[in-house]
C-alpha atoms as a PDB file:
ATOM      1  CA  MET A   1      51.537  97.635  60.347  1.00  0.00           C
ATOM      2  CA  LYS A   2      54.820  99.291  61.337  1.00  0.00           C
ATOM      3  CA  ILE A   3      53.560  99.983  64.859  1.00  0.00           C
ATOM      4  CA  LYS A   4      52.792  96.284  65.400  1.00  0.00           C
ATOM      5  CA  THR A   5      56.284  95.348  64.165  1.00  0.00           C
ATOM      6  CA  VAL A   6      57.888  97.887  66.518  1.00  0.00           C
ATOM      7  CA  GLN A   7      55.761  96.624  69.420  1.00  0.00           C
ATOM      8  CA  LYS A   8      56.691  93.018  68.649  1.00  0.00           C
ATOM      9  CA  ASN A   9      60.406  93.847  68.385  1.00  0.00           C
ATOM     10  CA  LEU A  10      60.255  95.939  71.560  1.00  0.00           C
ATOM     11  CA  HIS A  11      58.602  93.038  73.374  1.00  0.00           C
ATOM     12  CA  LEU A  12      61.413  90.702  72.233  1.00  0.00           C
ATOM     13  CA  ILE A  13      64.107  93.203  73.234  1.00  0.00           C
ATOM     14  CA  VAL A  14      62.588  93.730  76.683  1.00  0.00           C
ATOM     15  CA  GLY A  15      62.256  89.963  77.179  1.00  0.00           C
ATOM     16  CA  PHE A  16      65.861  89.383  76.138  1.00  0.00           C
ATOM     17  CA  PHE A  17      67.016  92.189  78.456  1.00  0.00           C
ATOM     18  CA  MET A  18      65.155  90.673  81.435  1.00  0.00           C
ATOM     19  CA  VAL A  19      66.686  87.225  80.822  1.00  0.00           C
ATOM     20  CA  TRP A  20      70.150  88.800  80.432  1.00  0.00           C
ATOM     21  CA  MET A  21      69.794  90.785  83.685  1.00  0.00           C
ATOM     22  CA  SER A  22      68.617  87.680  85.554  1.00  0.00           C
ATOM     23  CA  ALA A  23      71.657  85.754  84.325  1.00  0.00           C
ATOM     24  CA  ILE A  24      74.000  88.533  85.464  1.00  0.00           C
ATOM     25  CA  ALA A  25      72.355  88.711  88.888  1.00  0.00           C
ATOM     26  CA  PHE A  26      72.598  84.935  89.292  1.00  0.00           C
ATOM     27  CA  ALA A  27      76.258  84.872  88.241  1.00  0.00           C
ATOM     28  CA  ALA A  28      77.133  87.679  90.676  1.00  0.00           C
ATOM     29  CA  THR A  29      75.575  86.000  93.685  1.00  0.00           C
ATOM     30  CA  PRO A  30      78.515  83.729  94.708  1.00  0.00           C
ATOM     31  CA  GLU A  31      80.973  86.613  94.410  1.00  0.00           C
ATOM     32  CA  SER A  32      78.737  88.930  96.415  1.00  0.00           C
ATOM     33  CA  THR A  33      78.360  86.262  99.075  1.00  0.00           C
ATOM     34  CA  MET A  34      82.123  85.702  99.206  1.00  0.00           C
ATOM     35  CA  GLU A  35      82.736  89.446  99.415  1.00  0.00           C
ATOM     36  CA  SER A  36      80.413  89.754 102.407  1.00  0.00           C
ATOM     37  CA  GLN A  37      81.962  86.698 104.119  1.00  0.00           C
ATOM     38  CA  LEU A  38      85.519  88.007 103.702  1.00  0.00           C
ATOM     39  CA  LYS A  39      84.752  91.575 104.729  1.00  0.00           C
ATOM     40  CA  GLY A  40      86.357  92.608 107.997  1.00  0.00           C
ATOM     41  CA  GLU A  41      89.584  92.018 109.886  1.00  0.00           C
ATOM     42  CA  TRP A  42      92.060  89.164 109.367  1.00  0.00           C
ATOM     43  CA  ILE A  43      95.379  88.497 111.123  1.00  0.00           C
ATOM     44  CA  SER A  44      98.346  86.232 110.423  1.00  0.00           C
ATOM     45  CA  LEU A  45      99.678  84.576 113.565  1.00  0.00           C
ATOM     46  CA  LYS A  46     102.670  83.303 111.565  1.00  0.00           C
ATOM     47  CA  TRP A  47     103.746  86.696 110.159  1.00  0.00           C
ATOM     48  CA  ASN A  48     102.271  88.931 112.858  1.00  0.00           C
ATOM     49  CA  TYR A  49     100.377  91.304 110.577  1.00  0.00           C
ATOM     50  CA  GLY A  50      96.762  92.024 109.809  1.00  0.00           C
ATOM     51  CA  PHE A  51      94.433  93.787 107.418  1.00  0.00           C
ATOM     52  CA  ARG A  52      90.792  94.775 107.141  1.00  0.00           C
ATOM     53  CA  ILE A  53      89.019  93.874 103.895  1.00  0.00           C
ATOM     54  CA  ASP A  54      86.526  96.397 102.620  1.00  0.00           C
ATOM     55  CA  GLY A  55      85.237  95.967  99.077  1.00  0.00           C
ATOM     56  CA  LEU A  56      88.180  95.407  96.743  1.00  0.00           C
ATOM     57  CA  SER A  57      90.879  96.606  99.152  1.00  0.00           C
ATOM     58  CA  GLY A  58      92.641  95.553 102.324  1.00  0.00           C
ATOM     59  CA  PHE A  59      94.025  98.072 104.832  1.00  0.00           C
ATOM     60  CA  VAL A  60      96.747  97.500 107.455  1.00  0.00           C
ATOM     61  CA  THR A  61      95.521  96.942 111.012  1.00  0.00           C
ATOM     62  CA  GLN A  62      98.880  95.718 112.327  1.00  0.00           C
ATOM     63  CA  TRP A  63     102.294  95.430 110.649  1.00  0.00           C
ATOM     64  CA  ASN A  64     105.475  93.511 111.442  1.00  0.00           C
ATOM     65  CA  TYR A  65     108.582  95.693 111.015  1.00  0.00           C
ATOM     66  CA  LYS A  66     110.927  92.849 112.018  1.00  0.00           C
ATOM     67  CA  TYR A  67     111.501  91.848 108.370  1.00  0.00           C
ATOM     68  CA  ASN A  68     112.166  95.400 107.153  1.00  0.00           C
ATOM     69  CA  PRO A  69     112.786  97.975 109.928  1.00  0.00           C
ATOM     70  CA  ASN A  70     112.955 100.795 107.325  1.00  0.00           C
ATOM     71  CA  ASP A  71     109.483 100.003 105.994  1.00  0.00           C
ATOM     72  CA  LYS A  72     107.205 103.066 105.959  1.00  0.00           C
ATOM     73  CA  THR A  73     103.955 101.048 105.958  1.00  0.00           C
ATOM     74  CA  LYS A  74     101.564 102.203 108.668  1.00  0.00           C
ATOM     75  CA  THR A  75      98.107 101.407 110.012  1.00  0.00           C
ATOM     76  CA  GLY A  76      95.450 102.295 107.460  1.00  0.00           C
ATOM     77  CA  ASP A  77      97.673 101.917 104.384  1.00  0.00           C
ATOM     78  CA  LYS A  78      96.267  99.860 101.525  1.00  0.00           C
ATOM     79  CA  ILE A  79      98.276  96.634 101.148  1.00  0.00           C
ATOM     80  CA  LEU A  80      95.736  94.418  99.419  1.00  0.00           C
ATOM     81  CA  VAL A  81      94.099  94.772  96.010  1.00  0.00           C
ATOM     82  CA  ILE A  82      91.345  92.295  95.193  1.00  0.00           C
ATOM     83  CA  GLU A  83      91.099  91.841  91.442  1.00  0.00           C
ATOM     84  CA  LYS A  84      88.269  89.321  91.412  1.00  0.00           C
ATOM     85  CA  TYR A  85      86.102  87.547  93.943  1.00  0.00           C
ATOM     86  CA  THR A  86      85.479  83.893  93.155  1.00  0.00           C
ATOM     87  CA  ALA A  87      83.101  81.297  94.570  1.00  0.00           C
ATOM     88  CA  THR A  88      85.852  80.164  96.976  1.00  0.00           C
ATOM     89  CA  GLY A  89      87.791  83.364  97.763  1.00  0.00           C
ATOM     90  CA  PHE A  90      89.591  85.895  95.605  1.00  0.00           C
ATOM     91  CA  VAL A  91      92.659  86.631  93.499  1.00  0.00           C
ATOM     92  CA  GLY A  92      94.634  89.818  93.729  1.00  0.00           C
ATOM     93  CA  GLN A  93      97.875  91.355  94.939  1.00  0.00           C
ATOM     94  CA  GLN A  94      99.301  91.952  98.385  1.00  0.00           C
ATOM     95  CA  GLN A  95     102.187  94.080  99.569  1.00  0.00           C
ATOM     96  CA  PHE A  96     104.907  92.014 101.207  1.00  0.00           C
ATOM     97  CA  PHE A  97     107.270  93.251 103.920  1.00  0.00           C
ATOM     98  CA  ASN A  98     109.796  94.224 101.220  1.00  0.00           C
ATOM     99  CA  GLY A  99     107.259  96.734  99.874  1.00  0.00           C
ATOM    100  CA  LYS A 100     106.574  94.831  96.634  1.00  0.00           C
ATOM    101  CA  MET A 101     103.092  93.858  95.476  1.00  0.00           C
ATOM    102  CA  VAL A 102     102.873  90.137  94.671  1.00  0.00           C
ATOM    103  CA  PRO A 103     100.056  88.084  93.124  1.00  0.00           C
ATOM    104  CA  ILE A 104      98.058  86.071  95.658  1.00  0.00           C
ATOM    105  CA  VAL A 105      95.264  83.522  95.647  1.00  0.00           C
ATOM    106  CA  VAL A 106      93.048  83.466  98.724  1.00  0.00           C
ATOM    107  CA  THR A 107      90.825  80.492  99.526  1.00  0.00           C
ATOM    108  CA  TRP A 108      88.042  80.463 102.102  1.00  0.00           C
ATOM    109  CA  GLN A 109      88.683  77.670 104.633  1.00  0.00           C
ATOM    110  CA  ASP A 110      85.913  78.252 107.175  1.00  0.00           C
ATOM    111  CA  ALA A 111      84.126  81.116 108.953  1.00  0.00           C
ATOM    112  CA  LYS A 112      87.328  82.087 110.783  1.00  0.00           C
ATOM    113  CA  THR A 113      90.156  81.055 108.422  1.00  0.00           C
ATOM    114  CA  ILE A 114      91.471  81.939 104.953  1.00  0.00           C
ATOM    115  CA  LYS A 115      94.486  80.466 103.157  1.00  0.00           C
ATOM    116  CA  LEU A 116      96.796  82.797 101.215  1.00  0.00           C
ATOM    117  CA  GLU A 117      99.144  81.546  98.504  1.00  0.00           C
ATOM    118  CA  ALA A 118     101.843  83.637  96.845  1.00  0.00           C
ATOM    119  CA  GLY A 119     104.012  81.358  94.736  1.00  0.00           C
ATOM    120  CA  PRO A 120     105.621  78.844  97.108  1.00  0.00           C
ATOM    121  CA  GLU A 121     104.576  80.814 100.222  1.00  0.00           C
ATOM    122  CA  VAL A 122     101.382  79.571 101.912  1.00  0.00           C
ATOM    123  CA  TRP A 123      99.956  80.893 105.190  1.00  0.00           C
ATOM    124  CA  LEU A 124      96.688  81.160 107.082  1.00  0.00           C
ATOM    125  CA  MET A 125      94.912  84.220 108.381  1.00  0.00           C
ATOM    126  CA  VAL A 126      92.214  84.113 111.030  1.00  0.00           C
ATOM    127  CA  ARG A 127      89.580  86.381 112.470  1.00  0.00           C
ATOM    128  CA  PRO A 128      90.892  88.156 115.591  1.00  0.00           C
ATOM    129  CA  GLN A 129      89.485  86.913 118.905  1.00  0.00           C
END
């Protein structure tokens, strides 16, 4: 009698686990898709800087020292922290030319363009040619 109860409960637990895992996989799909679409190099024509997104980080590919000539930022430094991918982009923090990390919201525009918003500042970044 106890074995049948254990088998029945185990069957319910396994079934619940499978449904739960399917729900997690389905929920992660848009973020995974957005992560793969955003991966790679992006440049700002307005601010003359660029970064390469890889996973949850962005690394300098080019930097504009015009705004802060004493800045020690160099190619390869991490300037972008992605806190969460969303269905339309991501939220995180980016280092500005003054060296401070500021909250940003990034929205996918099309295959070659993203829009970055940090408070009142809004600018576009594009894939390099």
